[in-house]
Amino acid sequence: MKHLSRFLVILVAFGVAAFSSEMKWNAIDSGAKGDGKTDDGPAIQKALDAAAKAGGGEVFLPAGTYRIEDHLAVHSGVTLKGIWQAPHHDSQVWGTALFAVGHRGQEEGPALIELSPNSAVSGLTIYYPDQRLQDVQPYPWAIRGRGDHGSVMDVTLVNAYQGIDFGTHVNQLHYIRNVFGTVLRRGIYIDGCYDIGRIENVHFNPHYWYLSPTPEAKTMKDFGTKLVDYLNAHTEVFIFGRTDWEYVLNTFAFGFDKCYKFIQTQRGACNGNFLGIGADGGHNAIWAEATQPYGLLITNGEFVTFHGEQPTELVTTESFNGVIQFSNCAFWGPAHRNAVIRGKGLVSFHQCNFDDWGKNDAKAQSIWIDGGEADINSCRFAREKPNIYLGPNVINAVIMGNHFTGKMQIDNQSQGQVEMGLNVTRPGKK
């Protein structure tokens, strides 16, 4: 019996090994050169098609620079995989790099990588060598998914006009993990997701482009300043339309017009769990036009804005009729205001720290509200500046158990029910 068991173990192990070998394709064997000059798209696509025809598997791209003049289609059951294992911004050619040169000027064209249901891309750097800061041109999305279980893992995006799109097509259970880079117009777009999608460990920062050896980097400081100015005027980083309980963990961006943007589309709006998210150095950290009734749960976030005339960490628009709950978050600056709230929805702040506001306007309040419902409790206002404004359109508000610096400065013009109590003060700090 022992000999039979050992034989079965050996047989199974041999079978698994043989199966694994058959399920891997090397794009070099299909004719890819990786020399940065040859259009490697057809050769890589040949390997992807072969993997799909065999029932699925992995198409491997060894270290090299692969020029892609059109786009790649990754079929169901297939993974396109390079050797990327850590983010880097010193060179666009380390590891496995795709140089995207096709569809310049075509924002709505096919994505560089089109994922099918149950497919994945992993371990790649994607770079647009013809993009120039002095003349930024539209390009299609770098990666687009559709259907169930599309996955993007361990990817660096260098100067992509648009990053990752799980919004054009209906999708479920997308998985985006360990993505780093610089995006110029849009970072990640989610819409039409009817079952939980996940986004983890994503970091967008201008230095993934301007610290790299590009022609513009000859005057690196000037290039970096102009790039940050461009991002703060044009870039929307994380955009959420309809998605049902999106889980977003440890995400961050520096430099943007709108970092986390929540919109209403024909499919609906977002509700989700956002933990450990951050935004730094931009214009509007959170921009909310709509949410689902179940709302947004934002915990352990840190938000700072200081670019533009009136940088603000939270803005809800007149159309906002949802729910946003902040817990244990930090808002700092120098911002114009930490929050500007309109609409008819509910915004709550629990155990949050408001550290700085009033950039270029000493009369600006930390939180300005003229609409909806508000709950502010167990929070800290670190500056001896105007704290809270409640306008005539406020439906109701509860302000309780907060710590104010210097005297409490609340301007209540609301016609609705407002309850305040158990607030305390401490010596002032300008």
Protein backbone atom coordinates (compact mmCIF):
# COMPACT_ATOMS: atom_id res chain seq x y z
CA MET A 1 0.00 0.00 0.00
CA LYS A 2 2.88 2.35 0.83
CA HIS A 3 4.51 1.61 -2.54
CA LEU A 4 1.24 2.30 -4.35
CA SER A 5 0.82 5.62 -2.54
CA ARG A 6 4.39 6.61 -3.39
CA PHE A 7 3.83 5.67 -7.04
CA LEU A 8 0.65 7.77 -7.17
CA VAL A 9 2.46 10.75 -5.65
CA ILE A 10 5.25 10.46 -8.26
CA LEU A 11 2.71 10.06 -11.07
CA VAL A 12 0.67 13.06 -9.97
CA ALA A 13 3.81 15.18 -9.53
CA PHE A 14 5.04 14.19 -13.00
CA GLY A 15 1.65 14.95 -14.49
CA VAL A 16 1.46 18.37 -12.86
CA ALA A 17 4.98 19.19 -14.04
CA ALA A 18 4.18 18.15 -17.59
CA PHE A 19 0.92 20.07 -17.52
CA SER A 20 2.63 23.20 -16.19
CA SER A 21 5.28 23.04 -18.90
CA GLU A 22 2.66 22.75 -21.63
CA MET A 23 0.73 25.71 -20.27
CA LYS A 24 3.59 28.21 -20.68
CA TRP A 25 4.61 30.03 -23.81
CA ASN A 26 7.66 32.27 -24.26
CA ALA A 27 6.93 35.13 -26.66
CA ILE A 28 10.55 34.98 -27.89
CA ASP A 29 9.77 31.54 -29.33
CA SER A 30 6.95 33.16 -31.32
CA GLY A 31 9.32 35.71 -32.83
CA ALA A 32 9.36 38.62 -30.38
CA LYS A 33 12.71 40.42 -30.31
CA GLY A 34 12.50 42.73 -27.30
CA ASP A 35 14.95 45.12 -28.93
CA GLY A 36 12.77 48.26 -28.78
CA LYS A 37 12.85 48.60 -32.59
CA THR A 38 10.85 45.67 -33.93
CA ASP A 39 7.06 45.75 -33.71
CA ASP A 40 6.67 42.82 -31.32
CA GLY A 41 2.88 43.05 -31.17
CA PRO A 42 2.16 40.36 -33.80
CA ALA A 43 4.60 37.88 -32.24
CA ILE A 44 3.22 38.38 -28.73
CA GLN A 45 -0.33 38.08 -30.05
CA LYS A 46 0.61 34.84 -31.77
CA ALA A 47 1.69 33.41 -28.41
CA LEU A 48 -1.46 34.72 -26.72
CA ASP A 49 -3.63 33.09 -29.39
CA ALA A 50 -1.76 29.80 -29.03
CA ALA A 51 -2.28 29.81 -25.27
CA ALA A 52 -6.00 30.44 -25.72
CA LYS A 53 -6.31 27.69 -28.33
CA ALA A 54 -4.65 25.24 -25.93
CA GLY A 55 -7.18 26.06 -23.23
CA GLY A 56 -5.30 28.75 -21.34
CA GLY A 57 -1.92 29.36 -19.81
CA GLU A 58 0.87 31.87 -19.32
CA VAL A 59 2.60 33.88 -22.03
CA PHE A 60 5.97 34.96 -20.66
CA LEU A 61 7.91 38.04 -21.75
CA PRO A 62 11.55 37.91 -20.64
CA ALA A 63 13.43 41.08 -19.81
CA GLY A 64 13.47 43.36 -22.83
CA THR A 65 11.87 46.34 -24.53
CA TYR A 66 8.88 45.30 -26.63
CA ARG A 67 7.59 47.85 -29.14
CA ILE A 68 3.81 47.60 -29.62
CA GLU A 69 2.39 49.49 -32.61
CA ASP A 70 -1.24 48.38 -32.22
CA HIS A 71 -2.70 46.52 -29.24
CA LEU A 72 -2.76 43.11 -27.57
CA ALA A 73 -5.78 40.93 -26.76
CA VAL A 74 -5.38 38.65 -23.74
CA HIS A 75 -7.93 35.86 -24.06
CA SER A 76 -9.88 34.11 -21.29
CA GLY A 77 -7.74 31.82 -19.20
CA VAL A 78 -4.51 33.49 -20.32
CA THR A 79 -2.00 35.58 -18.35
CA LEU A 80 0.49 37.94 -20.01
CA LYS A 81 3.44 37.96 -17.62
CA GLY A 82 6.75 39.77 -17.39
CA ILE A 83 9.48 39.74 -14.75
CA TRP A 84 8.48 42.96 -12.86
CA GLN A 85 8.55 42.29 -9.11
CA ALA A 86 9.01 45.77 -7.64
CA PRO A 87 8.22 49.35 -8.67
CA HIS A 88 10.99 51.49 -10.09
CA HIS A 89 11.32 54.92 -11.63
CA ASP A 90 14.99 55.18 -12.58
CA SER A 91 14.53 53.62 -16.02
CA GLN A 92 11.71 52.66 -18.35
CA VAL A 93 13.65 49.68 -19.70
CA TRP A 94 14.28 47.65 -16.56
CA GLY A 95 12.67 44.26 -16.59
CA THR A 96 9.87 43.67 -19.08
CA ALA A 97 8.84 46.92 -20.75
CA LEU A 98 6.15 47.54 -23.36
CA PHE A 99 6.75 50.65 -25.46
CA ALA A 100 3.30 51.81 -26.62
CA VAL A 101 3.49 53.81 -29.86
CA GLY A 102 0.16 53.12 -31.55
CA HIS A 103 -3.07 55.14 -31.64
CA ARG A 104 -1.49 58.45 -30.73
CA GLY A 105 -4.17 61.14 -30.57
CA GLN A 106 -6.99 58.55 -30.21
CA GLU A 107 -8.39 58.76 -26.70
CA GLU A 108 -11.23 56.35 -27.57
CA GLY A 109 -9.13 53.80 -29.46
CA PRO A 110 -8.49 50.18 -28.38
CA ALA A 111 -6.55 49.81 -25.16
CA LEU A 112 -2.93 48.75 -25.41
CA ILE A 113 -3.91 45.57 -23.53
CA GLU A 114 -7.49 44.34 -23.84
CA LEU A 115 -8.35 41.78 -21.14
CA SER A 116 -11.07 39.17 -21.60
CA PRO A 117 -13.03 37.61 -18.72
CA ASN A 118 -10.82 35.48 -16.47
CA SER A 119 -7.56 36.83 -17.84
CA ALA A 120 -4.66 38.71 -16.30
CA VAL A 121 -1.64 40.90 -16.93
CA SER A 122 1.30 40.89 -14.54
CA GLY A 123 4.89 42.02 -14.20
CA LEU A 124 5.13 44.75 -16.85
CA THR A 125 6.24 48.34 -17.27
CA ILE A 126 4.19 50.29 -19.84
CA TYR A 127 5.80 53.40 -21.31
CA TYR A 128 4.77 55.87 -24.02
CA PRO A 129 8.07 56.98 -25.61
CA ASP A 130 6.48 59.54 -27.96
CA GLN A 131 4.62 61.45 -25.22
CA ARG A 132 5.96 64.96 -24.57
CA LEU A 133 5.01 67.27 -21.73
CA GLN A 134 5.19 70.35 -23.94
CA ASP A 135 2.58 68.76 -26.26
CA VAL A 136 0.61 66.13 -24.34
CA GLN A 137 -1.35 63.93 -26.75
CA PRO A 138 -4.30 61.65 -25.96
CA TYR A 139 -3.80 57.90 -26.05
CA PRO A 140 -6.26 55.06 -25.35
CA TRP A 141 -6.27 53.28 -22.02
CA ALA A 142 -3.17 51.25 -21.23
CA ILE A 143 -5.26 48.32 -19.92
CA ARG A 144 -8.99 47.63 -20.28
CA GLY A 145 -10.98 44.79 -18.72
CA ARG A 146 -14.42 43.31 -19.24
CA GLY A 147 -16.50 40.52 -17.75
CA ASP A 148 -15.61 38.57 -14.60
CA HIS A 149 -12.25 38.22 -12.87
CA GLY A 150 -9.99 40.51 -14.85
CA SER A 151 -6.73 41.03 -12.97
CA VAL A 152 -3.94 43.60 -13.20
CA MET A 153 -0.98 42.94 -10.92
CA ASP A 154 2.56 44.28 -10.51
CA VAL A 155 2.47 46.94 -13.23
CA THR A 156 4.25 50.28 -13.62
CA LEU A 157 2.61 52.92 -15.84
CA VAL A 158 5.04 55.59 -17.04
CA ASN A 159 3.42 58.71 -18.58
CA ALA A 160 0.26 56.83 -19.61
CA TYR A 161 -2.44 59.26 -20.72
CA GLN A 162 -5.05 56.84 -19.32
CA GLY A 163 -4.26 53.95 -17.00
CA ILE A 164 -6.68 51.11 -16.22
CA ASP A 165 -10.29 50.92 -17.42
CA PHE A 166 -12.80 48.64 -15.76
CA GLY A 167 -15.69 50.95 -16.64
CA THR A 168 -16.28 50.92 -20.37
CA HIS A 169 -17.53 47.32 -20.24
CA VAL A 170 -19.65 45.62 -17.59
CA ASN A 171 -17.43 43.66 -15.21
CA GLN A 172 -17.37 41.91 -11.87
CA LEU A 173 -14.73 40.92 -9.35
CA HIS A 174 -11.89 42.88 -10.95
CA TYR A 175 -8.59 42.80 -9.07
CA ILE A 176 -6.02 45.60 -9.34
CA ARG A 177 -2.92 45.18 -7.14
CA ASN A 178 0.54 46.73 -6.91
CA VAL A 179 0.19 49.33 -9.64
CA PHE A 180 2.54 52.32 -9.65
CA GLY A 181 3.28 55.14 -12.02
CA THR A 182 2.45 58.50 -13.56
CA VAL A 183 -0.85 59.06 -15.39
CA LEU A 184 -1.63 62.28 -17.25
CA ARG A 185 -5.43 62.31 -17.64
CA ARG A 186 -7.11 59.38 -15.86
CA GLY A 187 -5.72 56.75 -13.55
CA ILE A 188 -8.30 54.04 -12.81
CA TYR A 189 -11.92 54.14 -13.98
CA ILE A 190 -14.52 51.79 -12.47
CA ASP A 191 -18.14 51.49 -13.65
CA GLY A 192 -20.67 48.74 -14.31
CA CYS A 193 -19.26 46.48 -11.59
CA TYR A 194 -22.13 44.50 -10.05
CA ASP A 195 -20.07 42.37 -7.68
CA ILE A 196 -17.22 43.32 -5.42
CA GLY A 197 -14.13 44.73 -7.12
CA ARG A 198 -10.80 45.17 -5.33
CA ILE A 199 -8.05 47.76 -5.69
CA GLU A 200 -4.97 47.36 -3.48
CA ASN A 201 -1.58 49.05 -3.12
CA VAL A 202 -1.81 51.56 -5.94
CA HIS A 203 0.49 54.61 -6.00
CA PHE A 204 0.49 57.38 -8.60
CA ASN A 205 3.23 59.98 -8.39
CA PRO A 206 4.86 62.31 -10.96
CA HIS A 207 8.34 61.09 -10.13
CA TYR A 208 7.76 57.88 -12.09
CA TRP A 209 8.23 60.01 -15.17
CA TYR A 210 10.33 63.05 -14.34
CA LEU A 211 13.04 61.13 -12.45
CA SER A 212 13.51 58.98 -15.53
CA PRO A 213 15.99 59.68 -18.35
CA THR A 214 13.61 61.38 -20.79
CA PRO A 215 14.61 64.26 -23.08
CA GLU A 216 12.67 66.69 -20.88
CA ALA A 217 14.62 65.65 -17.78
CA LYS A 218 17.71 67.58 -18.92
CA THR A 219 16.29 70.35 -16.73
CA MET A 220 14.84 68.00 -14.19
CA LYS A 221 13.64 70.55 -11.63
CA ASP A 222 11.86 72.66 -14.22
CA PHE A 223 10.37 69.58 -15.86
CA GLY A 224 9.11 68.28 -12.52
CA THR A 225 7.47 71.60 -11.67
CA LYS A 226 5.73 71.80 -15.04
CA LEU A 227 4.60 68.18 -14.79
CA VAL A 228 3.06 68.71 -11.34
CA ASP A 229 1.32 71.84 -12.63
CA TYR A 230 -0.08 69.84 -15.54
CA LEU A 231 -1.34 67.03 -13.30
CA ASN A 232 -2.99 69.47 -10.91
CA ALA A 233 -4.86 71.05 -13.81
CA HIS A 234 -5.90 67.95 -15.79
CA THR A 235 -5.65 64.66 -13.93
CA GLU A 236 -8.47 62.64 -12.35
CA VAL A 237 -6.87 59.69 -10.62
CA PHE A 238 -9.48 57.27 -9.21
CA ILE A 239 -12.92 57.59 -10.85
CA PHE A 240 -15.86 55.57 -9.58
CA GLY A 241 -19.23 55.20 -11.26
CA ARG A 242 -21.47 52.21 -10.54
CA THR A 243 -19.68 49.66 -8.41
CA ASP A 244 -21.26 47.55 -5.68
CA TRP A 245 -19.11 47.40 -2.55
CA GLU A 246 -15.79 48.31 -4.09
CA TYR A 247 -12.94 47.46 -1.70
CA VAL A 248 -10.08 49.96 -1.95
CA LEU A 249 -7.00 49.50 0.27
CA ASN A 250 -3.76 51.49 0.62
CA THR A 251 -4.04 53.77 -2.41
CA PHE A 252 -2.30 57.12 -2.87
CA ALA A 253 -1.67 59.88 -5.38
CA PHE A 254 0.35 63.06 -5.47
CA GLY A 255 -0.69 65.86 -7.83
CA PHE A 256 -4.17 65.91 -9.37
CA ASP A 257 -7.20 67.99 -10.15
CA LYS A 258 -9.49 65.39 -8.56
CA CYS A 259 -8.00 62.39 -6.78
CA TYR A 260 -11.03 60.30 -5.75
CA LYS A 261 -14.03 61.20 -7.93
CA PHE A 262 -17.47 59.68 -7.40
CA ILE A 263 -19.95 60.16 -10.23
CA GLN A 264 -23.41 59.11 -11.37
CA THR A 265 -23.44 57.21 -14.67
CA GLN A 266 -26.26 55.53 -16.58
CA ARG A 267 -25.44 52.39 -14.61
CA GLY A 268 -25.52 54.08 -11.20
CA ALA A 269 -23.11 55.23 -8.50
CA CYS A 270 -20.58 53.79 -6.05
CA ASN A 271 -20.73 52.32 -2.61
CA GLY A 272 -17.67 50.85 -1.01
CA ASN A 273 -15.11 50.36 1.71
CA PHE A 274 -12.08 52.66 1.44
CA LEU A 275 -9.33 51.93 3.96
CA GLY A 276 -5.95 53.65 4.28
CA ILE A 277 -6.41 55.83 1.22
CA GLY A 278 -4.42 59.03 0.70
CA ALA A 279 -4.16 62.11 -1.48
CA ASP A 280 -1.43 64.73 -1.38
CA GLY A 281 -0.53 67.97 -3.10
CA GLY A 282 -3.46 68.35 -5.48
CA HIS A 283 -6.53 70.51 -5.95
CA ASN A 284 -9.49 68.38 -4.74
CA ALA A 285 -8.77 65.20 -2.80
CA ILE A 286 -12.34 63.82 -2.79
CA TRP A 287 -14.98 65.02 -5.25
CA ALA A 288 -18.41 63.47 -4.73
CA GLU A 289 -21.29 64.02 -7.14
CA ALA A 290 -23.18 60.88 -6.12
CA THR A 291 -23.06 57.65 -4.11
CA GLN A 292 -25.41 54.76 -3.64
CA PRO A 293 -27.66 55.01 -0.53
CA TYR A 294 -25.39 52.55 1.29
CA GLY A 295 -22.63 55.11 1.00
CA LEU A 296 -18.87 55.29 1.25
CA LEU A 297 -17.02 54.05 4.33
CA ILE A 298 -13.70 55.94 4.46
CA THR A 299 -11.39 54.92 7.32
CA ASN A 300 -7.80 55.87 8.20
CA GLY A 301 -7.52 58.26 5.27
CA GLU A 302 -5.12 61.19 4.95
CA PHE A 303 -5.92 64.11 2.70
CA VAL A 304 -3.95 67.25 1.91
CA THR A 305 -4.41 69.77 -0.88
CA PHE A 306 -2.48 72.95 -1.54
CA HIS A 307 -2.48 73.55 -5.30
CA GLY A 308 -4.58 76.20 -7.01
CA GLU A 309 -6.56 79.14 -5.68
CA GLN A 310 -8.96 77.22 -3.43
CA PRO A 311 -7.57 73.72 -2.75
CA THR A 312 -10.13 71.66 -0.83
CA GLU A 313 -9.92 68.13 0.54
CA LEU A 314 -13.62 67.22 0.29
CA VAL A 315 -16.18 68.65 -2.12
CA THR A 316 -19.75 67.41 -2.48
CA THR A 317 -21.72 68.98 -5.30
CA GLU A 318 -25.34 70.15 -5.55
CA SER A 319 -26.28 66.77 -7.06
CA PHE A 320 -24.94 64.83 -4.06
CA ASN A 321 -27.71 62.87 -2.31
CA GLY A 322 -25.75 59.97 -0.86
CA VAL A 323 -23.79 59.12 2.27
CA ILE A 324 -20.09 59.51 3.11
CA GLN A 325 -18.75 58.45 6.51
CA PHE A 326 -15.22 59.48 7.52
CA SER A 327 -13.65 57.73 10.50
CA ASN A 328 -10.20 58.38 11.96
CA CYS A 329 -9.05 60.52 9.03
CA ALA A 330 -6.56 63.40 8.86
CA PHE A 331 -7.19 66.59 6.87
CA TRP A 332 -4.29 68.99 6.60
CA GLY A 333 -2.84 71.60 4.36
CA PRO A 334 -2.28 74.38 3.69
CA ALA A 335 -5.75 74.02 2.17
CA HIS A 336 -8.35 76.67 1.52
CA ARG A 337 -10.97 74.56 3.28
CA ASN A 338 -10.96 71.00 4.51
CA ALA A 339 -14.53 70.42 3.32
CA VAL A 340 -17.15 72.17 1.18
CA ILE A 341 -20.48 70.34 1.40
CA ARG A 342 -23.55 70.92 -0.77
CA GLY A 343 -26.45 68.78 -1.90
CA LYS A 344 -28.94 66.80 0.18
CA GLY A 345 -26.81 63.90 1.37
CA LEU A 346 -25.26 63.01 4.72
CA VAL A 347 -21.59 63.54 5.54
CA SER A 348 -20.22 62.44 8.90
CA PHE A 349 -16.81 62.97 10.48
CA HIS A 350 -15.90 60.82 13.48
CA GLN A 351 -12.58 61.12 15.31
CA CYS A 352 -10.99 63.14 12.51
CA ASN A 353 -8.13 65.63 12.77
CA PHE A 354 -8.40 68.97 10.92
CA ASP A 355 -4.94 70.44 11.11
CA ASP A 356 -4.71 73.38 8.71
CA TRP A 357 -6.90 75.51 6.46
CA GLY A 358 -7.43 79.13 5.44
CA LYS A 359 -4.80 79.36 2.69
CA ASN A 360 -4.97 82.90 1.26
CA ASP A 361 -8.15 83.60 3.27
CA ALA A 362 -8.04 83.93 7.05
CA LYS A 363 -11.86 83.96 7.19
CA ALA A 364 -12.33 80.57 5.51
CA GLN A 365 -13.82 77.88 7.75
CA SER A 366 -12.39 74.38 8.03
CA ILE A 367 -15.80 72.89 7.17
CA TRP A 368 -18.29 74.87 5.07
CA ILE A 369 -21.75 73.32 4.77
CA ASP A 370 -24.79 74.64 2.92
CA GLY A 371 -26.95 71.63 2.29
CA GLY A 372 -27.81 68.15 3.49
CA GLU A 373 -27.09 66.59 6.86
CA ALA A 374 -23.87 66.67 8.85
CA ASP A 375 -22.50 64.83 11.86
CA ILE A 376 -19.22 66.08 13.37
CA ASN A 377 -18.16 64.34 16.56
CA SER A 378 -15.00 63.53 18.52
CA CYS A 379 -12.91 65.57 16.08
CA ARG A 380 -9.97 67.94 16.62
CA PHE A 381 -9.63 71.39 15.09
CA ALA A 382 -5.95 72.25 15.49
CA ARG A 383 -5.97 75.96 14.54
CA GLU A 384 -7.45 79.04 16.11
CA LYS A 385 -9.35 79.90 12.95
CA PRO A 386 -13.02 79.84 11.90
CA ASN A 387 -14.14 76.25 12.35
CA ILE A 388 -17.56 75.46 10.90
CA TYR A 389 -20.13 77.29 8.77
CA LEU A 390 -23.73 76.02 8.59
CA GLY A 391 -25.63 77.73 5.78
CA PRO A 392 -29.39 78.25 5.44
CA ASN A 393 -29.84 75.10 3.33
CA VAL A 394 -28.52 72.72 5.99
CA ILE A 395 -31.24 70.19 6.83
CA ASN A 396 -29.78 69.21 10.21
CA ALA A 397 -26.47 68.83 11.99
CA VAL A 398 -25.01 67.32 15.14
CA ILE A 399 -21.75 68.85 16.44
CA MET A 400 -20.72 67.08 19.63
CA GLY A 401 -17.70 66.10 21.66
CA ASN A 402 -15.13 67.98 19.60
CA HIS A 403 -11.86 69.65 20.59
CA PHE A 404 -11.40 73.24 19.42
CA THR A 405 -8.28 75.39 19.58
CA GLY A 406 -8.85 78.79 21.14
CA LYS A 407 -12.50 79.74 21.14
CA MET A 408 -15.04 77.63 19.28
CA GLN A 409 -15.92 79.46 16.05
CA ILE A 410 -19.16 78.12 14.55
CA ASP A 411 -21.32 80.28 12.33
CA ASN A 412 -24.81 78.76 12.36
CA GLN A 413 -27.12 80.21 9.71
CA SER A 414 -29.10 77.00 9.33
CA GLN A 415 -32.90 76.98 9.31
CA GLY A 416 -32.90 73.29 10.20
CA GLN A 417 -32.36 71.45 13.47
CA VAL A 418 -28.84 71.79 14.86
CA GLU A 419 -27.65 70.14 18.07
CA MET A 420 -24.34 71.13 19.71
CA GLY A 421 -22.89 70.04 23.01
CA LEU A 422 -20.01 68.63 25.06
CA ASN A 423 -17.43 70.46 22.96
CA VAL A 424 -14.23 71.67 24.63
CA THR A 425 -11.46 74.18 23.90
CA ARG A 426 -7.75 74.48 24.60
CA PRO A 427 -5.17 77.32 24.26
CA GLY A 428 -4.92 78.75 20.79
CA LYS A 429 -2.51 78.07 17.91
CA LYS A 430 -2.59 80.24 14.84
